[in-house]
Protein backbone atom coordinates (compact mmCIF):
# COMPACT_ATOMS: atom_id res chain seq x y z
CA MET A 1 123.26 122.78 -75.93
CA LYS A 2 126.42 124.77 -75.24
CA LYS A 3 124.42 128.01 -75.02
CA ILE A 4 121.99 126.45 -72.55
CA ASN A 5 124.86 125.32 -70.30
CA THR A 6 126.37 128.81 -70.46
CA ILE A 7 123.07 130.36 -69.40
CA LYS A 8 122.71 127.88 -66.54
CA ILE A 9 126.24 128.57 -65.33
CA LYS A 10 125.61 132.33 -65.46
CA SER A 11 122.38 131.99 -63.48
CA LEU A 12 124.10 129.75 -60.93
CA LYS A 13 126.87 132.31 -60.50
CA GLN A 14 124.30 135.08 -60.02
CA THR A 15 122.51 132.99 -57.42
CA LYS A 16 125.84 132.36 -55.70
CA LYS A 17 126.52 136.12 -55.54
CA PHE A 18 123.05 136.74 -54.10
CA TYR A 19 123.54 134.10 -51.40
CA LEU A 20 126.93 135.56 -50.48
CA TRP A 21 125.31 139.00 -50.23
CA GLU A 22 122.54 137.58 -48.04
CA LEU A 23 125.09 135.93 -45.73
CA LYS A 24 126.57 139.35 -44.96
CA LYS A 25 123.33 140.34 -43.21
CA GLU A 26 123.58 140.21 -39.45
CA SER A 27 119.84 139.65 -39.01
CA LEU A 28 119.94 136.06 -40.30
CA THR A 29 119.11 133.27 -37.91
CA GLU A 30 121.46 130.30 -37.57
CA LYS A 31 119.00 128.11 -39.48
CA GLU A 32 118.85 130.57 -42.40
CA ARG A 33 122.62 130.94 -42.40
CA ALA A 34 123.08 127.15 -42.44
CA SER A 35 120.66 126.74 -45.35
CA TYR A 36 122.46 129.45 -47.37
CA LEU A 37 125.82 127.80 -46.68
CA LEU A 38 124.48 124.40 -47.74
CA ALA A 39 123.03 125.89 -50.93
CA LEU A 40 126.34 127.63 -51.69
CA LYS A 41 128.21 124.37 -51.29
CA SER A 42 125.83 122.66 -53.73
CA ILE A 43 126.02 125.53 -56.23
CA ASN A 44 129.83 125.51 -56.14
CA LYS A 45 129.85 121.77 -56.79
CA ILE A 46 127.44 122.08 -59.75
CA ILE A 47 129.39 124.97 -61.28
CA GLN A 48 132.67 123.07 -60.92
CA GLU A 49 131.21 119.94 -62.55
CA LYS A 50 129.74 121.92 -65.45
CA GLU A 51 132.98 123.81 -66.07
CA ASP A 52 134.99 120.58 -65.89
CA SER A 53 132.66 118.87 -68.36
CA ARG A 54 133.25 121.70 -70.86
CA GLY A 55 136.90 120.71 -71.20
CA ARG A 56 136.13 117.09 -71.93
CA GLY A 57 135.90 116.09 -75.50
CA LYS A 58 137.01 113.67 -78.14
CA GLY A 59 140.70 112.80 -78.01
CA LYS A 60 141.36 114.09 -74.50
CA TYR A 61 142.40 112.26 -71.36
CA LEU A 62 143.45 113.01 -67.80
CA ASP A 63 147.13 113.09 -66.95
CA LYS A 64 148.56 112.08 -63.55
CA ILE A 65 147.86 115.51 -62.07
CA GLY A 66 144.21 115.49 -63.17
CA ARG A 67 144.44 117.97 -66.02
CA TYR A 68 143.07 117.21 -69.46
CA GLN A 69 145.65 116.63 -72.17
CA LYS A 70 145.34 115.89 -75.88
CA ARG A 71 146.04 112.31 -76.84
CA LEU A 72 149.37 111.99 -78.62
CA GLY A 73 148.44 109.17 -80.97
CA LEU A 74 147.49 105.57 -80.66
């Protein structure tokens, strides 16, 4: 499963690069530009969630700042 997630993240990052490249074109209409920006926002959110879920695991918890820390005993 870890390998599948890695592949998905890589493909999402490639798609993100393509959309950024497409946004540099001056010939895009406002509608096309808006759809690329919306897609980029969604892709960034998915990538962030997948990368955050990698760090989660048994014996870890969030501290006050929102970072994952190892549990120091029960």
